[in-house]
Amino acid sequence: MTQSISKDQDTLHSIFTLQKDLTNMMNLDRYPDDVEERVAVLCTAIIHEAVELQRTTNWKWWKNPVPFNKDDAKEELIDIWHFVVQASLELNLTPEDILEEYKRKNKINRKRQRAGY
């Protein structure tokens, strides 16, 4: 199990490095100076990307369904990941912090499920 976690952490570290490199390439003139404002605009971006992901599905029961394009859905999901990782960086979360926070919240969610939440 430790080997798997180590590999996962390496993967997440790679994603964080790629995001930092991308951010360094960007023109950030319009990016807010304040951390709270940056997190707020990133939340807005995440919401809009989630809507774009939803649009790849046949959620509209009143319309004729079209074939699900998994590649388009993956691309929209990765857009969400970009903004989630950037928000993590804004909050000074490391991959290790994310793993610990995930474990903590996962434990709470499991307890809730056992309690009939």
N, C-alpha and C. Protein backbone atom coordinates (compact mmCIF):
# COMPACT_ATOMS: atom_id res chain seq x y z
N MET A 1 0.82 -1.20 0.00
CA MET A 1 0.00 0.00 0.00
C MET A 1 0.87 1.26 0.00
N THR A 2 1.96 1.26 0.74
CA THR A 2 2.84 2.43 0.80
C THR A 2 3.39 2.77 -0.57
N GLN A 3 3.75 1.75 -1.36
CA GLN A 3 4.29 1.99 -2.69
C GLN A 3 3.24 2.69 -3.56
N SER A 4 1.99 2.28 -3.47
CA SER A 4 0.92 2.89 -4.26
C SER A 4 0.73 4.35 -3.87
N ILE A 5 0.72 4.63 -2.58
CA ILE A 5 0.56 6.01 -2.12
C ILE A 5 1.73 6.85 -2.61
N SER A 6 2.93 6.31 -2.55
CA SER A 6 4.10 7.05 -3.01
C SER A 6 3.96 7.39 -4.49
N LYS A 7 3.54 6.42 -5.30
CA LYS A 7 3.35 6.67 -6.72
C LYS A 7 2.26 7.73 -6.93
N ASP A 8 1.16 7.62 -6.18
CA ASP A 8 0.08 8.59 -6.30
C ASP A 8 0.57 9.99 -5.93
N GLN A 9 1.38 10.06 -4.87
CA GLN A 9 1.91 11.35 -4.47
C GLN A 9 2.84 11.92 -5.54
N ASP A 10 3.64 11.05 -6.15
CA ASP A 10 4.50 11.50 -7.25
C ASP A 10 3.67 12.05 -8.39
N THR A 11 2.56 11.38 -8.69
CA THR A 11 1.67 11.83 -9.76
C THR A 11 1.08 13.19 -9.42
N LEU A 12 0.62 13.35 -8.20
CA LEU A 12 0.04 14.63 -7.80
C LEU A 12 1.11 15.73 -7.78
N HIS A 13 2.30 15.40 -7.34
CA HIS A 13 3.40 16.37 -7.40
C HIS A 13 3.64 16.81 -8.84
N SER A 14 3.60 15.87 -9.78
CA SER A 14 3.79 16.20 -11.19
C SER A 14 2.70 17.15 -11.68
N ILE A 15 1.47 16.87 -11.29
CA ILE A 15 0.35 17.74 -11.69
C ILE A 15 0.55 19.14 -11.12
N PHE A 16 0.95 19.23 -9.87
CA PHE A 16 1.19 20.54 -9.24
C PHE A 16 2.30 21.29 -9.97
N THR A 17 3.37 20.59 -10.32
CA THR A 17 4.49 21.23 -11.03
C THR A 17 4.03 21.74 -12.39
N LEU A 18 3.27 20.93 -13.11
CA LEU A 18 2.76 21.36 -14.41
C LEU A 18 1.86 22.59 -14.27
N GLN A 19 1.03 22.62 -13.23
CA GLN A 19 0.14 23.77 -13.02
C GLN A 19 0.96 25.02 -12.70
N LYS A 20 1.97 24.88 -11.84
CA LYS A 20 2.83 26.03 -11.52
C LYS A 20 3.51 26.55 -12.78
N ASP A 21 4.01 25.65 -13.62
CA ASP A 21 4.68 26.05 -14.86
C ASP A 21 3.70 26.78 -15.79
N LEU A 22 2.48 26.27 -15.89
CA LEU A 22 1.47 26.92 -16.72
C LEU A 22 1.16 28.31 -16.20
N THR A 23 0.97 28.42 -14.89
CA THR A 23 0.65 29.72 -14.29
C THR A 23 1.77 30.72 -14.54
N ASN A 24 3.02 30.26 -14.49
CA ASN A 24 4.16 31.14 -14.75
C ASN A 24 4.18 31.64 -16.19
N MET A 25 3.55 30.92 -17.11
CA MET A 25 3.51 31.33 -18.51
C MET A 25 2.41 32.35 -18.79
N MET A 26 1.42 32.42 -17.91
CA MET A 26 0.21 33.18 -18.17
C MET A 26 0.40 34.67 -17.86
N ASN A 27 -0.38 35.48 -18.57
CA ASN A 27 -0.48 36.90 -18.25
C ASN A 27 -1.51 37.01 -17.13
N LEU A 28 -1.07 37.41 -15.97
CA LEU A 28 -1.95 37.45 -14.80
C LEU A 28 -2.37 38.87 -14.43
N ASP A 29 -2.34 39.79 -15.41
CA ASP A 29 -2.71 41.18 -15.14
C ASP A 29 -4.11 41.31 -14.55
N ARG A 30 -5.03 40.44 -14.99
CA ARG A 30 -6.42 40.53 -14.52
C ARG A 30 -6.71 39.56 -13.37
N TYR A 31 -5.71 38.81 -12.95
CA TYR A 31 -5.88 37.86 -11.85
C TYR A 31 -5.85 38.65 -10.54
N PRO A 32 -6.81 38.42 -9.65
CA PRO A 32 -6.86 39.20 -8.41
C PRO A 32 -5.57 39.08 -7.57
N ASP A 33 -5.28 40.14 -6.83
CA ASP A 33 -4.11 40.15 -5.96
C ASP A 33 -4.36 39.43 -4.64
N ASP A 34 -5.59 39.46 -4.18
CA ASP A 34 -5.96 38.92 -2.88
C ASP A 34 -6.29 37.43 -2.98
N VAL A 35 -5.79 36.64 -2.04
CA VAL A 35 -6.00 35.18 -2.05
C VAL A 35 -7.49 34.85 -2.04
N GLU A 36 -8.25 35.51 -1.20
CA GLU A 36 -9.69 35.22 -1.14
C GLU A 36 -10.36 35.48 -2.49
N GLU A 37 -10.00 36.57 -3.14
CA GLU A 37 -10.56 36.88 -4.45
C GLU A 37 -10.11 35.86 -5.50
N ARG A 38 -8.87 35.41 -5.41
CA ARG A 38 -8.39 34.40 -6.35
C ARG A 38 -9.16 33.10 -6.18
N VAL A 39 -9.38 32.70 -4.94
CA VAL A 39 -10.15 31.48 -4.69
C VAL A 39 -11.57 31.66 -5.21
N ALA A 40 -12.14 32.84 -5.03
CA ALA A 40 -13.50 33.10 -5.51
C ALA A 40 -13.59 32.99 -7.03
N VAL A 41 -12.63 33.57 -7.76
CA VAL A 41 -12.70 33.48 -9.23
C VAL A 41 -12.41 32.05 -9.70
N LEU A 42 -11.58 31.34 -8.97
CA LEU A 42 -11.33 29.94 -9.32
C LEU A 42 -12.58 29.10 -9.09
N CYS A 43 -13.33 29.39 -8.04
CA CYS A 43 -14.61 28.70 -7.80
C CYS A 43 -15.56 28.94 -8.96
N THR A 44 -15.62 30.18 -9.43
CA THR A 44 -16.47 30.50 -10.57
C THR A 44 -16.04 29.70 -11.79
N ALA A 45 -14.73 29.62 -12.03
CA ALA A 45 -14.23 28.85 -13.17
C ALA A 45 -14.59 27.37 -13.02
N ILE A 46 -14.46 26.83 -11.82
CA ILE A 46 -14.80 25.42 -11.57
C ILE A 46 -16.28 25.18 -11.87
N ILE A 47 -17.13 26.08 -11.41
CA ILE A 47 -18.57 25.95 -11.65
C ILE A 47 -18.86 25.93 -13.15
N HIS A 48 -18.28 26.86 -13.87
CA HIS A 48 -18.53 26.94 -15.31
C HIS A 48 -18.00 25.71 -16.05
N GLU A 49 -16.84 25.24 -15.64
CA GLU A 49 -16.30 24.02 -16.26
C GLU A 49 -17.17 22.82 -15.92
N ALA A 50 -17.74 22.79 -14.71
CA ALA A 50 -18.63 21.70 -14.33
C ALA A 50 -19.89 21.71 -15.21
N VAL A 51 -20.38 22.90 -15.52
CA VAL A 51 -21.52 23.01 -16.43
C VAL A 51 -21.14 22.50 -17.82
N GLU A 52 -19.94 22.83 -18.28
CA GLU A 52 -19.49 22.32 -19.57
C GLU A 52 -19.38 20.80 -19.55
N LEU A 53 -18.93 20.24 -18.44
CA LEU A 53 -18.88 18.78 -18.30
C LEU A 53 -20.29 18.21 -18.34
N GLN A 54 -21.20 18.83 -17.63
CA GLN A 54 -22.58 18.37 -17.61
C GLN A 54 -23.19 18.39 -19.01
N ARG A 55 -22.82 19.38 -19.81
CA ARG A 55 -23.36 19.48 -21.17
C ARG A 55 -22.93 18.33 -22.07
N THR A 56 -21.90 17.59 -21.66
CA THR A 56 -21.48 16.43 -22.45
C THR A 56 -22.38 15.22 -22.19
N THR A 57 -23.26 15.35 -21.19
CA THR A 57 -24.14 14.25 -20.83
C THR A 57 -25.55 14.50 -21.35
N ASN A 58 -26.37 13.48 -21.28
CA ASN A 58 -27.77 13.57 -21.71
C ASN A 58 -28.68 13.83 -20.51
N TRP A 59 -28.39 14.87 -19.77
CA TRP A 59 -29.16 15.15 -18.57
C TRP A 59 -30.53 15.75 -18.87
N LYS A 60 -30.70 16.28 -20.06
CA LYS A 60 -31.99 16.90 -20.43
C LYS A 60 -32.95 15.79 -20.87
N TRP A 61 -33.83 15.39 -19.98
CA TRP A 61 -34.73 14.28 -20.28
C TRP A 61 -35.72 14.61 -21.39
N TRP A 62 -35.91 15.88 -21.69
CA TRP A 62 -36.87 16.29 -22.70
C TRP A 62 -36.29 16.34 -24.12
N LYS A 63 -34.99 16.08 -24.23
CA LYS A 63 -34.33 16.10 -25.53
C LYS A 63 -33.96 14.68 -25.96
N ASN A 64 -33.87 14.49 -27.26
CA ASN A 64 -33.40 13.20 -27.76
C ASN A 64 -31.94 13.02 -27.39
N PRO A 65 -31.59 11.87 -26.83
CA PRO A 65 -30.20 11.66 -26.42
C PRO A 65 -29.26 11.54 -27.62
N VAL A 66 -28.04 11.95 -27.40
CA VAL A 66 -26.97 11.82 -28.40
C VAL A 66 -25.90 10.92 -27.77
N PRO A 67 -25.06 10.31 -28.59
CA PRO A 67 -24.01 9.46 -28.03
C PRO A 67 -23.10 10.26 -27.08
N PHE A 68 -22.78 9.65 -25.97
CA PHE A 68 -21.91 10.28 -24.97
C PHE A 68 -20.48 10.29 -25.50
N ASN A 69 -19.87 11.47 -25.51
CA ASN A 69 -18.49 11.60 -25.99
C ASN A 69 -17.58 11.64 -24.76
N LYS A 70 -17.03 10.48 -24.45
CA LYS A 70 -16.20 10.35 -23.25
C LYS A 70 -14.95 11.23 -23.34
N ASP A 71 -14.38 11.40 -24.52
CA ASP A 71 -13.18 12.24 -24.67
C ASP A 71 -13.49 13.70 -24.35
N ASP A 72 -14.64 14.19 -24.82
CA ASP A 72 -15.03 15.57 -24.48
C ASP A 72 -15.25 15.70 -22.98
N ALA A 73 -15.87 14.70 -22.37
CA ALA A 73 -16.11 14.74 -20.92
C ALA A 73 -14.79 14.75 -20.16
N LYS A 74 -13.84 13.94 -20.60
CA LYS A 74 -12.53 13.92 -19.95
C LYS A 74 -11.85 15.28 -20.04
N GLU A 75 -11.93 15.91 -21.20
CA GLU A 75 -11.30 17.22 -21.37
C GLU A 75 -11.90 18.25 -20.42
N GLU A 76 -13.22 18.24 -20.28
CA GLU A 76 -13.87 19.18 -19.36
C GLU A 76 -13.49 18.88 -17.91
N LEU A 77 -13.38 17.60 -17.58
CA LEU A 77 -12.98 17.23 -16.22
C LEU A 77 -11.56 17.69 -15.92
N ILE A 78 -10.68 17.58 -16.89
CA ILE A 78 -9.31 18.04 -16.70
C ILE A 78 -9.27 19.56 -16.55
N ASP A 79 -10.15 20.28 -17.26
CA ASP A 79 -10.24 21.73 -17.05
C ASP A 79 -10.58 22.03 -15.58
N ILE A 80 -11.50 21.25 -15.03
CA ILE A 80 -11.85 21.42 -13.61
C ILE A 80 -10.62 21.17 -12.74
N TRP A 81 -9.89 20.10 -13.06
CA TRP A 81 -8.67 19.78 -12.30
C TRP A 81 -7.68 20.94 -12.31
N HIS A 82 -7.51 21.59 -13.47
CA HIS A 82 -6.60 22.73 -13.53
C HIS A 82 -6.97 23.78 -12.48
N PHE A 83 -8.24 24.11 -12.41
CA PHE A 83 -8.67 25.14 -11.48
C PHE A 83 -8.65 24.66 -10.03
N VAL A 84 -8.95 23.39 -9.80
CA VAL A 84 -8.87 22.83 -8.44
C VAL A 84 -7.42 22.84 -7.95
N VAL A 85 -6.50 22.45 -8.81
CA VAL A 85 -5.09 22.45 -8.42
C VAL A 85 -4.61 23.87 -8.17
N GLN A 86 -5.03 24.81 -9.02
CA GLN A 86 -4.64 26.20 -8.80
C GLN A 86 -5.19 26.72 -7.48
N ALA A 87 -6.43 26.39 -7.17
CA ALA A 87 -7.01 26.80 -5.88
C ALA A 87 -6.23 26.17 -4.73
N SER A 88 -5.81 24.93 -4.90
CA SER A 88 -4.98 24.27 -3.88
C SER A 88 -3.68 25.02 -3.68
N LEU A 89 -3.07 25.43 -4.78
CA LEU A 89 -1.83 26.20 -4.69
C LEU A 89 -2.06 27.54 -4.00
N GLU A 90 -3.18 28.17 -4.32
CA GLU A 90 -3.50 29.46 -3.69
C GLU A 90 -3.65 29.32 -2.18
N LEU A 91 -4.14 28.17 -1.74
CA LEU A 91 -4.34 27.91 -0.31
C LEU A 91 -3.12 27.25 0.33
N ASN A 92 -2.03 27.21 -0.44
CA ASN A 92 -0.77 26.63 0.04
C ASN A 92 -0.91 25.17 0.48
N LEU A 93 -1.78 24.43 -0.22
CA LEU A 93 -1.91 23.01 0.04
C LEU A 93 -0.89 22.26 -0.79
N THR A 94 -0.20 21.35 -0.17
CA THR A 94 0.73 20.47 -0.88
C THR A 94 0.00 19.17 -1.22
N PRO A 95 0.56 18.36 -2.10
CA PRO A 95 -0.05 17.05 -2.34
C PRO A 95 -0.22 16.24 -1.05
N GLU A 96 0.75 16.35 -0.15
CA GLU A 96 0.64 15.64 1.13
C GLU A 96 -0.52 16.19 1.96
N ASP A 97 -0.69 17.51 1.95
CA ASP A 97 -1.81 18.12 2.67
C ASP A 97 -3.14 17.62 2.11
N ILE A 98 -3.20 17.54 0.80
CA ILE A 98 -4.44 17.09 0.15
C ILE A 98 -4.75 15.66 0.55
N LEU A 99 -3.74 14.81 0.54
CA LEU A 99 -3.96 13.42 0.95
C LEU A 99 -4.47 13.35 2.39
N GLU A 100 -3.86 14.10 3.28
CA GLU A 100 -4.29 14.09 4.68
C GLU A 100 -5.70 14.64 4.85
N GLU A 101 -5.99 15.75 4.16
CA GLU A 101 -7.34 16.33 4.24
C GLU A 101 -8.38 15.38 3.63
N TYR A 102 -7.99 14.71 2.54
CA TYR A 102 -8.88 13.75 1.91
C TYR A 102 -9.18 12.59 2.86
N LYS A 103 -8.15 12.07 3.49
CA LYS A 103 -8.33 10.98 4.45
C LYS A 103 -9.23 11.42 5.60
N ARG A 104 -8.99 12.63 6.11
CA ARG A 104 -9.79 13.14 7.22
C ARG A 104 -11.26 13.24 6.84
N LYS A 105 -11.53 13.84 5.68
CA LYS A 105 -12.92 14.01 5.24
C LYS A 105 -13.54 12.68 4.83
N ASN A 106 -12.75 11.79 4.25
CA ASN A 106 -13.24 10.47 3.88
C ASN A 106 -13.71 9.71 5.11
N LYS A 107 -12.97 9.85 6.20
CA LYS A 107 -13.34 9.20 7.46
C LYS A 107 -14.68 9.73 7.96
N ILE A 108 -14.86 11.04 7.87
CA ILE A 108 -16.13 11.66 8.28
C ILE A 108 -17.27 11.15 7.39
N ASN A 109 -17.04 11.12 6.08
CA ASN A 109 -18.08 10.67 5.16
C ASN A 109 -18.45 9.22 5.38
N ARG A 110 -17.47 8.38 5.68
CA ARG A 110 -17.74 6.97 5.97
C ARG A 110 -18.58 6.83 7.25
N LYS A 111 -18.23 7.63 8.25
CA LYS A 111 -19.00 7.61 9.50
C LYS A 111 -20.44 8.04 9.24
N ARG A 112 -20.61 9.06 8.42
CA ARG A 112 -21.96 9.53 8.08
C ARG A 112 -22.74 8.44 7.37
N GLN A 113 -22.09 7.72 6.44
CA GLN A 113 -22.78 6.67 5.69
C GLN A 113 -23.20 5.53 6.63
N ARG A 114 -22.34 5.17 7.55
CA ARG A 114 -22.67 4.12 8.51
C ARG A 114 -23.83 4.54 9.41
N ALA A 115 -23.94 5.86 9.64
CA ALA A 115 -24.99 6.38 10.51
C ALA A 115 -26.30 6.67 9.74
N GLY A 116 -26.32 6.34 8.42
CA GLY A 116 -27.53 6.54 7.65
C GLY A 116 -27.72 7.96 7.15
N TYR A 117 -26.66 8.69 6.97
CA TYR A 117 -26.68 10.09 6.53
C TYR A 117 -27.40 10.25 5.22
